[in-house]
Amino acid sequence: MIRISALVVTMVMCASAAIAQGKIADLRARLAQEPNAVSKAKLMPQLGDAEFAEIDADVTKEKFLEALAVLGHYRDEVDTCDKALAATGADAEKHPAGFKQLQFSLRDSLRRLDAVLVSMTTDEQAPFLAIRTDLGEVNLRLIQHLFPHDTPAKPESSK
C-alpha cells in the first residue's frame, strides 16, 4: 500500500513538472512573439510566477544549476521588457501600463528569490545574488520611471 502511494505521488510530481515546463515554454514563446512592449510586460507576472515555481522546485531538490538557468532566463526577459518599455518613450508616470505590471512582477520575484536564498549556503548563494543585484537595479529604475518626482530622502549622517 505504501509503495503504491509513493508511486502515485512520484507520478503526480513528474506530471506537474511537465505541465509547468509546458506552461513556461508557452509563455516564453508568447513573450518572444509579442511585438507590443506593454503586452510583453503584462505577460511577465504569469511568466515570473511559473518560472519561480520551477526555481522553488529546483532549489528544493538541490538542483541549483537548473534553478540558476531559469533565473538567468527570467533576468533576460525582465531586461528585454524594460528596454522595450523605455524604447516606447512613454511617460510611465502618466501612462503606467506595462511599467506597473513589470514592477509588480519584479517586486514579487525579488521577494520569492530572497525566500529561496535563505535555504542556501553562502557559496551556493553567490551566483543567485549577482542576478538578484541586476533585478534590483531594474526594479529601482522602474520605480524611478513610475515616480520621477519622488526622490528618496537621504539619511542624515551622524556627526
N, C-alpha and C. Protein backbone atom coordinates (compact mmCIF):
# COMPACT_ATOMS: atom_id res chain seq x y z
N MET A 1 0.82 -1.20 0.00
CA MET A 1 0.00 0.00 0.00
C MET A 1 0.87 1.27 0.00
N ILE A 2 1.93 1.26 0.81
CA ILE A 2 2.81 2.42 0.89
C ILE A 2 3.55 2.60 -0.44
N ARG A 3 3.95 1.49 -1.06
CA ARG A 3 4.64 1.57 -2.34
C ARG A 3 3.75 2.17 -3.41
N ILE A 4 2.48 1.81 -3.39
CA ILE A 4 1.54 2.34 -4.38
C ILE A 4 1.37 3.83 -4.16
N SER A 5 1.25 4.26 -2.91
CA SER A 5 1.10 5.68 -2.60
C SER A 5 2.33 6.46 -3.04
N ALA A 6 3.51 5.92 -2.78
CA ALA A 6 4.75 6.59 -3.19
C ALA A 6 4.83 6.68 -4.70
N LEU A 7 4.40 5.63 -5.39
CA LEU A 7 4.40 5.63 -6.84
C LEU A 7 3.45 6.69 -7.40
N VAL A 8 2.27 6.79 -6.81
CA VAL A 8 1.29 7.78 -7.25
C VAL A 8 1.82 9.19 -7.02
N VAL A 9 2.42 9.43 -5.87
CA VAL A 9 2.98 10.75 -5.56
C VAL A 9 4.08 11.09 -6.56
N THR A 10 4.94 10.15 -6.86
CA THR A 10 6.03 10.37 -7.82
C THR A 10 5.47 10.69 -9.21
N MET A 11 4.46 9.96 -9.61
CA MET A 11 3.85 10.21 -10.93
C MET A 11 3.21 11.59 -11.00
N VAL A 12 2.54 12.00 -9.93
CA VAL A 12 1.91 13.32 -9.90
C VAL A 12 2.96 14.42 -9.96
N MET A 13 4.06 14.24 -9.23
CA MET A 13 5.14 15.24 -9.26
C MET A 13 5.75 15.36 -10.64
N CYS A 14 5.97 14.23 -11.30
CA CYS A 14 6.53 14.25 -12.67
C CYS A 14 5.57 14.92 -13.64
N ALA A 15 4.29 14.62 -13.51
CA ALA A 15 3.29 15.21 -14.40
C ALA A 15 3.18 16.71 -14.18
N SER A 16 3.21 17.15 -12.91
CA SER A 16 3.10 18.59 -12.65
C SER A 16 4.34 19.32 -13.15
N ALA A 17 5.52 18.70 -13.05
CA ALA A 17 6.74 19.32 -13.57
C ALA A 17 6.66 19.46 -15.08
N ALA A 18 6.13 18.46 -15.76
CA ALA A 18 5.99 18.52 -17.22
C ALA A 18 4.99 19.60 -17.63
N ILE A 19 3.91 19.73 -16.87
CA ILE A 19 2.92 20.76 -17.17
C ILE A 19 3.53 22.14 -16.95
N ALA A 20 4.29 22.30 -15.86
CA ALA A 20 4.93 23.59 -15.59
C ALA A 20 5.92 23.95 -16.70
N GLN A 21 6.69 22.97 -17.15
CA GLN A 21 7.64 23.21 -18.24
C GLN A 21 6.91 23.65 -19.51
N GLY A 22 5.78 23.00 -19.79
CA GLY A 22 4.99 23.36 -20.96
C GLY A 22 4.43 24.77 -20.86
N LYS A 23 3.99 25.14 -19.66
CA LYS A 23 3.45 26.48 -19.45
C LYS A 23 4.54 27.54 -19.63
N ILE A 24 5.71 27.25 -19.07
CA ILE A 24 6.82 28.20 -19.22
C ILE A 24 7.20 28.35 -20.68
N ALA A 25 7.30 27.24 -21.39
CA ALA A 25 7.66 27.30 -22.81
C ALA A 25 6.62 28.08 -23.61
N ASP A 26 5.35 27.86 -23.30
CA ASP A 26 4.27 28.57 -23.99
C ASP A 26 4.34 30.08 -23.71
N LEU A 27 4.54 30.44 -22.45
CA LEU A 27 4.61 31.86 -22.10
C LEU A 27 5.86 32.53 -22.70
N ARG A 28 6.97 31.81 -22.71
CA ARG A 28 8.19 32.36 -23.33
C ARG A 28 7.99 32.58 -24.83
N ALA A 29 7.30 31.65 -25.48
CA ALA A 29 7.03 31.79 -26.91
C ALA A 29 6.13 33.00 -27.16
N ARG A 30 5.10 33.15 -26.33
CA ARG A 30 4.20 34.31 -26.47
C ARG A 30 4.96 35.61 -26.25
N LEU A 31 5.86 35.62 -25.25
CA LEU A 31 6.65 36.82 -24.97
C LEU A 31 7.55 37.16 -26.15
N ALA A 32 8.18 36.16 -26.73
CA ALA A 32 9.09 36.38 -27.85
C ALA A 32 8.36 36.88 -29.09
N GLN A 33 7.13 36.43 -29.30
CA GLN A 33 6.38 36.79 -30.50
C GLN A 33 5.60 38.09 -30.34
N GLU A 34 5.44 38.57 -29.12
CA GLU A 34 4.64 39.77 -28.87
C GLU A 34 5.39 41.02 -29.32
N PRO A 35 4.83 41.78 -30.26
CA PRO A 35 5.52 42.99 -30.74
C PRO A 35 5.32 44.21 -29.83
N ASN A 36 4.25 44.22 -29.04
CA ASN A 36 3.90 45.36 -28.21
C ASN A 36 4.60 45.27 -26.86
N ALA A 37 5.34 46.32 -26.50
CA ALA A 37 6.11 46.32 -25.25
C ALA A 37 5.20 46.21 -24.02
N VAL A 38 4.06 46.89 -24.06
CA VAL A 38 3.13 46.85 -22.92
C VAL A 38 2.55 45.45 -22.76
N SER A 39 2.20 44.82 -23.85
CA SER A 39 1.68 43.46 -23.79
C SER A 39 2.72 42.48 -23.30
N LYS A 40 3.98 42.70 -23.70
CA LYS A 40 5.07 41.86 -23.19
C LYS A 40 5.16 41.98 -21.68
N ALA A 41 5.13 43.21 -21.20
CA ALA A 41 5.24 43.45 -19.75
C ALA A 41 4.06 42.84 -19.00
N LYS A 42 2.89 42.85 -19.62
CA LYS A 42 1.71 42.28 -18.97
C LYS A 42 1.77 40.75 -18.88
N LEU A 43 2.62 40.12 -19.69
CA LEU A 43 2.82 38.67 -19.60
C LEU A 43 3.78 38.29 -18.46
N MET A 44 4.58 39.24 -18.02
CA MET A 44 5.61 38.92 -17.05
C MET A 44 5.10 38.40 -15.70
N PRO A 45 3.99 38.88 -15.16
CA PRO A 45 3.52 38.29 -13.89
C PRO A 45 3.24 36.79 -14.00
N GLN A 46 2.62 36.37 -15.09
CA GLN A 46 2.34 34.94 -15.29
C GLN A 46 3.63 34.16 -15.49
N LEU A 47 4.50 34.69 -16.34
CA LEU A 47 5.76 34.01 -16.63
C LEU A 47 6.64 33.95 -15.39
N GLY A 48 6.74 35.05 -14.67
CA GLY A 48 7.54 35.08 -13.46
C GLY A 48 7.04 34.10 -12.42
N ASP A 49 5.72 34.01 -12.28
CA ASP A 49 5.15 33.08 -11.32
C ASP A 49 5.49 31.64 -11.70
N ALA A 50 5.35 31.30 -12.97
CA ALA A 50 5.66 29.94 -13.43
C ALA A 50 7.15 29.64 -13.28
N GLU A 51 7.99 30.61 -13.63
CA GLU A 51 9.42 30.37 -13.53
C GLU A 51 9.87 30.25 -12.08
N PHE A 52 9.29 31.05 -11.19
CA PHE A 52 9.69 30.94 -9.79
C PHE A 52 9.15 29.68 -9.14
N ALA A 53 8.05 29.15 -9.62
CA ALA A 53 7.60 27.84 -9.15
C ALA A 53 8.65 26.79 -9.53
N GLU A 54 9.18 26.90 -10.74
CA GLU A 54 10.24 26.00 -11.20
C GLU A 54 11.51 26.19 -10.38
N ILE A 55 11.88 27.42 -10.11
CA ILE A 55 13.07 27.71 -9.31
C ILE A 55 12.91 27.12 -7.91
N ASP A 56 11.76 27.34 -7.29
CA ASP A 56 11.49 26.79 -5.96
C ASP A 56 11.65 25.27 -5.95
N ALA A 57 11.07 24.63 -6.96
CA ALA A 57 11.15 23.16 -7.04
C ALA A 57 12.59 22.70 -7.23
N ASP A 58 13.34 23.39 -8.09
CA ASP A 58 14.73 23.01 -8.33
C ASP A 58 15.59 23.20 -7.08
N VAL A 59 15.39 24.29 -6.37
CA VAL A 59 16.17 24.54 -5.15
C VAL A 59 15.82 23.52 -4.08
N THR A 60 14.55 23.17 -3.98
CA THR A 60 14.13 22.16 -3.01
C THR A 60 14.82 20.82 -3.28
N LYS A 61 15.00 20.51 -4.56
CA LYS A 61 15.67 19.26 -4.96
C LYS A 61 17.19 19.43 -5.03
N GLU A 62 17.68 20.61 -4.63
CA GLU A 62 19.10 20.96 -4.66
C GLU A 62 19.69 20.90 -6.06
N LYS A 63 18.88 21.25 -7.05
CA LYS A 63 19.33 21.36 -8.45
C LYS A 63 19.61 22.84 -8.72
N PHE A 64 20.70 23.32 -8.12
CA PHE A 64 20.99 24.75 -8.15
C PHE A 64 21.35 25.26 -9.54
N LEU A 65 22.02 24.46 -10.34
CA LEU A 65 22.37 24.91 -11.69
C LEU A 65 21.14 25.09 -12.55
N GLU A 66 20.16 24.19 -12.42
CA GLU A 66 18.91 24.32 -13.17
C GLU A 66 18.14 25.56 -12.71
N ALA A 67 18.09 25.77 -11.39
CA ALA A 67 17.41 26.94 -10.85
C ALA A 67 18.08 28.23 -11.33
N LEU A 68 19.40 28.22 -11.36
CA LEU A 68 20.15 29.39 -11.81
C LEU A 68 19.89 29.67 -13.29
N ALA A 69 19.77 28.62 -14.09
CA ALA A 69 19.48 28.80 -15.51
C ALA A 69 18.11 29.45 -15.71
N VAL A 70 17.12 29.00 -14.96
CA VAL A 70 15.77 29.58 -15.06
C VAL A 70 15.80 31.03 -14.60
N LEU A 71 16.51 31.30 -13.51
CA LEU A 71 16.62 32.67 -13.01
C LEU A 71 17.32 33.57 -14.02
N GLY A 72 18.32 33.04 -14.70
CA GLY A 72 19.00 33.81 -15.75
C GLY A 72 18.06 34.15 -16.89
N HIS A 73 17.22 33.19 -17.28
CA HIS A 73 16.21 33.46 -18.31
C HIS A 73 15.26 34.56 -17.85
N TYR A 74 14.84 34.47 -16.59
CA TYR A 74 13.92 35.48 -16.05
C TYR A 74 14.56 36.86 -16.09
N ARG A 75 15.82 36.95 -15.68
CA ARG A 75 16.51 38.25 -15.72
C ARG A 75 16.56 38.80 -17.14
N ASP A 76 16.87 37.95 -18.11
CA ASP A 76 16.93 38.38 -19.50
C ASP A 76 15.57 38.85 -20.00
N GLU A 77 14.51 38.15 -19.59
CA GLU A 77 13.16 38.54 -20.00
C GLU A 77 12.76 39.88 -19.39
N VAL A 78 13.10 40.08 -18.13
CA VAL A 78 12.82 41.36 -17.47
C VAL A 78 13.58 42.47 -18.16
N ASP A 79 14.84 42.23 -18.47
CA ASP A 79 15.67 43.23 -19.14
C ASP A 79 15.11 43.58 -20.51
N THR A 80 14.68 42.56 -21.25
CA THR A 80 14.08 42.79 -22.57
C THR A 80 12.83 43.65 -22.46
N CYS A 81 11.97 43.33 -21.50
CA CYS A 81 10.73 44.11 -21.31
C CYS A 81 11.05 45.54 -20.88
N ASP A 82 12.00 45.69 -19.97
CA ASP A 82 12.38 47.03 -19.51
C ASP A 82 12.90 47.89 -20.66
N LYS A 83 13.76 47.32 -21.48
CA LYS A 83 14.31 48.07 -22.62
C LYS A 83 13.22 48.38 -23.66
N ALA A 84 12.31 47.44 -23.87
CA ALA A 84 11.22 47.68 -24.83
C ALA A 84 10.29 48.78 -24.33
N LEU A 85 10.00 48.79 -23.04
CA LEU A 85 9.16 49.86 -22.48
C LEU A 85 9.86 51.21 -22.57
N ALA A 86 11.15 51.24 -22.26
CA ALA A 86 11.90 52.50 -22.34
C ALA A 86 11.96 53.01 -23.77
N ALA A 87 12.04 52.09 -24.73
CA ALA A 87 12.13 52.48 -26.14
C ALA A 87 10.83 53.10 -26.65
N THR A 88 9.72 52.84 -25.98
CA THR A 88 8.46 53.44 -26.43
C THR A 88 8.44 54.94 -26.18
N GLY A 89 9.24 55.40 -25.24
CA GLY A 89 9.26 56.82 -24.91
C GLY A 89 8.06 57.26 -24.11
N ALA A 90 7.28 56.32 -23.62
CA ALA A 90 6.08 56.65 -22.85
C ALA A 90 6.46 57.24 -21.49
N ASP A 91 5.64 58.16 -21.02
CA ASP A 91 5.82 58.73 -19.69
C ASP A 91 5.13 57.78 -18.72
N ALA A 92 5.93 57.02 -17.98
CA ALA A 92 5.38 56.00 -17.08
C ALA A 92 4.54 56.60 -15.97
N GLU A 93 4.83 57.83 -15.61
CA GLU A 93 4.05 58.48 -14.55
C GLU A 93 2.61 58.74 -15.02
N LYS A 94 2.45 59.15 -16.28
CA LYS A 94 1.12 59.44 -16.82
C LYS A 94 0.47 58.21 -17.45
N HIS A 95 1.25 57.33 -18.00
CA HIS A 95 0.75 56.12 -18.68
C HIS A 95 1.52 54.91 -18.15
N PRO A 96 1.13 54.42 -16.96
CA PRO A 96 1.92 53.36 -16.31
C PRO A 96 1.71 51.95 -16.85
N ALA A 97 0.82 51.77 -17.82
CA ALA A 97 0.54 50.42 -18.33
C ALA A 97 1.84 49.76 -18.78
N GLY A 98 2.07 48.57 -18.35
CA GLY A 98 3.28 47.84 -18.68
C GLY A 98 4.35 48.04 -17.63
N PHE A 99 4.69 49.31 -17.35
CA PHE A 99 5.69 49.61 -16.33
C PHE A 99 5.22 49.08 -14.97
N LYS A 100 3.97 49.33 -14.68
CA LYS A 100 3.41 48.92 -13.40
C LYS A 100 3.39 47.40 -13.27
N GLN A 101 2.93 46.70 -14.29
CA GLN A 101 2.87 45.24 -14.23
C GLN A 101 4.27 44.63 -14.10
N LEU A 102 5.21 45.18 -14.84
CA LEU A 102 6.58 44.67 -14.77
C LEU A 102 7.17 44.91 -13.38
N GLN A 103 6.93 46.08 -12.82
CA GLN A 103 7.47 46.37 -11.50
C GLN A 103 6.81 45.49 -10.43
N PHE A 104 5.51 45.27 -10.51
CA PHE A 104 4.82 44.40 -9.54
C PHE A 104 5.38 42.99 -9.63
N SER A 105 5.54 42.49 -10.85
CA SER A 105 6.07 41.15 -11.05
C SER A 105 7.49 41.05 -10.51
N LEU A 106 8.28 42.04 -10.79
CA LEU A 106 9.67 42.05 -10.35
C LEU A 106 9.76 42.12 -8.83
N ARG A 107 8.93 42.95 -8.22
CA ARG A 107 8.92 43.05 -6.75
C ARG A 107 8.58 41.70 -6.12
N ASP A 108 7.57 41.02 -6.65
CA ASP A 108 7.18 39.72 -6.13
C ASP A 108 8.30 38.70 -6.35
N SER A 109 8.94 38.76 -7.49
CA SER A 109 10.02 37.82 -7.80
C SER A 109 11.22 38.05 -6.88
N LEU A 110 11.53 39.29 -6.58
CA LEU A 110 12.62 39.58 -5.65
C LEU A 110 12.31 39.03 -4.26
N ARG A 111 11.06 39.16 -3.85
CA ARG A 111 10.64 38.61 -2.55
C ARG A 111 10.80 37.10 -2.54
N ARG A 112 10.36 36.45 -3.61
CA ARG A 112 10.47 34.99 -3.70
C ARG A 112 11.92 34.54 -3.77
N LEU A 113 12.74 35.30 -4.47
CA LEU A 113 14.17 34.97 -4.55
C LEU A 113 14.82 35.09 -3.17
N ASP A 114 14.48 36.13 -2.44
CA ASP A 114 15.02 36.29 -1.09
C ASP A 114 14.63 35.11 -0.20
N ALA A 115 13.41 34.62 -0.35
CA ALA A 115 12.95 33.48 0.44
C ALA A 115 13.72 32.21 0.08
N VAL A 116 14.08 32.06 -1.19
CA VAL A 116 14.83 30.89 -1.63
C VAL A 116 16.28 30.96 -1.15
N LEU A 117 16.85 32.16 -1.15
CA LEU A 117 18.26 32.32 -0.81
C LEU A 117 18.59 31.89 0.62
N VAL A 118 17.66 32.06 1.53
CA VAL A 118 17.95 31.74 2.93
C VAL A 118 18.20 30.24 3.15
N SER A 119 17.76 29.41 2.24
CA SER A 119 17.96 27.97 2.39
C SER A 119 19.28 27.49 1.78
N MET A 120 20.08 28.41 1.26
CA MET A 120 21.33 28.05 0.59
C MET A 120 22.53 28.44 1.43
N THR A 121 23.65 27.77 1.15
CA THR A 121 24.90 28.17 1.78
C THR A 121 25.42 29.42 1.08
N THR A 122 26.40 30.05 1.67
CA THR A 122 26.97 31.27 1.09
C THR A 122 27.54 31.01 -0.30
N ASP A 123 28.21 29.88 -0.47
CA ASP A 123 28.79 29.56 -1.78
C ASP A 123 27.70 29.34 -2.83
N GLU A 124 26.62 28.69 -2.43
CA GLU A 124 25.51 28.45 -3.36
C GLU A 124 24.78 29.74 -3.71
N GLN A 125 24.76 30.68 -2.77
CA GLN A 125 24.05 31.95 -2.98
C GLN A 125 24.73 32.88 -3.98
N ALA A 126 26.04 32.82 -4.08
CA ALA A 126 26.82 33.81 -4.84
C ALA A 126 26.28 34.09 -6.24
N PRO A 127 26.08 33.08 -7.11
CA PRO A 127 25.59 33.41 -8.46
C PRO A 127 24.15 33.94 -8.44
N PHE A 128 23.36 33.48 -7.49
CA PHE A 128 21.98 33.96 -7.38
C PHE A 128 21.96 35.42 -6.95
N LEU A 129 22.89 35.79 -6.06
CA LEU A 129 22.95 37.18 -5.59
C LEU A 129 23.37 38.13 -6.70
N ALA A 130 24.22 37.66 -7.60
CA ALA A 130 24.63 38.51 -8.73
C ALA A 130 23.41 38.84 -9.60
N ILE A 131 22.58 37.84 -9.86
CA ILE A 131 21.37 38.08 -10.65
C ILE A 131 20.38 38.91 -9.86
N ARG A 132 20.31 38.70 -8.55
CA ARG A 132 19.41 39.48 -7.71
C ARG A 132 19.78 40.96 -7.76
N THR A 133 21.08 41.25 -7.80
CA THR A 133 21.54 42.63 -7.91
C THR A 133 21.06 43.25 -9.22
N ASP A 134 21.19 42.52 -10.31
CA ASP A 134 20.71 43.00 -11.62
C ASP A 134 19.21 43.29 -11.57
N LEU A 135 18.45 42.36 -10.99
CA LEU A 135 16.99 42.53 -10.91
C LEU A 135 16.63 43.71 -10.01
N GLY A 136 17.38 43.88 -8.93
CA GLY A 136 17.14 45.01 -8.03
C GLY A 136 17.36 46.35 -8.72
N GLU A 137 18.37 46.41 -9.58
CA GLU A 137 18.64 47.65 -10.31
C GLU A 137 17.51 47.97 -11.29
N VAL A 138 17.00 46.95 -11.97
CA VAL A 138 15.87 47.17 -12.89
C VAL A 138 14.65 47.61 -12.09
N ASN A 139 14.42 47.01 -10.93
CA ASN A 139 13.29 47.38 -10.09
C ASN A 139 13.37 48.86 -9.69
N LEU A 140 14.55 49.29 -9.26
CA LEU A 140 14.72 50.70 -8.89
C LEU A 140 14.51 51.62 -10.09
N ARG A 141 14.99 51.22 -11.24
CA ARG A 141 14.81 52.02 -12.45
C ARG A 141 13.32 52.15 -12.79
N LEU A 142 12.58 51.06 -12.66
CA LEU A 142 11.14 51.10 -12.93
C LEU A 142 10.42 52.01 -11.93
N ILE A 143 10.81 51.94 -10.68
CA ILE A 143 10.19 52.82 -9.68
C ILE A 143 10.49 54.28 -10.00
N GLN A 144 11.71 54.56 -10.45
CA GLN A 144 12.05 55.93 -10.83
C GLN A 144 11.26 56.40 -12.04
N HIS A 145 10.97 55.49 -12.97
CA HIS A 145 10.13 55.86 -14.12
C HIS A 145 8.70 56.15 -13.66
N LEU A 146 8.20 55.33 -12.76
CA LEU A 146 6.81 55.48 -12.31
C LEU A 146 6.62 56.67 -11.39
N PHE A 147 7.64 57.00 -10.59
CA PHE A 147 7.56 58.09 -9.62
C PHE A 147 8.78 59.00 -9.74
N PRO A 148 8.87 59.74 -10.84
CA PRO A 148 10.09 60.52 -11.08
C PRO A 148 10.27 61.70 -10.12
N HIS A 149 9.20 62.20 -9.54
CA HIS A 149 9.31 63.37 -8.67
C HIS A 149 9.49 63.01 -7.21
N ASP A 150 9.37 61.73 -6.90
CA ASP A 150 9.56 61.27 -5.53
C ASP A 150 10.99 60.80 -5.36
N THR A 151 11.84 61.69 -4.89
CA THR A 151 13.22 61.30 -4.65
C THR A 151 13.32 60.78 -3.23
N PRO A 152 13.97 59.66 -3.04
CA PRO A 152 14.08 59.12 -1.70
C PRO A 152 14.88 60.05 -0.79
N ALA A 153 14.44 60.16 0.44
CA ALA A 153 15.13 61.01 1.41
C ALA A 153 16.49 60.39 1.74
N LYS A 154 17.48 61.24 1.79
CA LYS A 154 18.81 60.77 2.12
C LYS A 154 18.95 60.76 3.64
N PRO A 155 19.46 59.68 4.18
CA PRO A 155 19.61 59.62 5.64
C PRO A 155 20.66 60.64 6.11
N GLU A 156 20.37 61.23 7.25
CA GLU A 156 21.31 62.20 7.80
C GLU A 156 22.48 61.45 8.40
N SER A 157 23.66 61.97 8.14
CA SER A 157 24.83 61.34 8.74
C SER A 157 25.02 61.86 10.15
N SER A 158 25.34 60.96 11.05
CA SER A 158 25.54 61.35 12.45
C SER A 158 26.94 61.93 12.61
N LYS A 159 27.02 63.00 13.34
CA LYS A 159 28.30 63.68 13.49
C LYS A 159 28.76 63.64 14.90
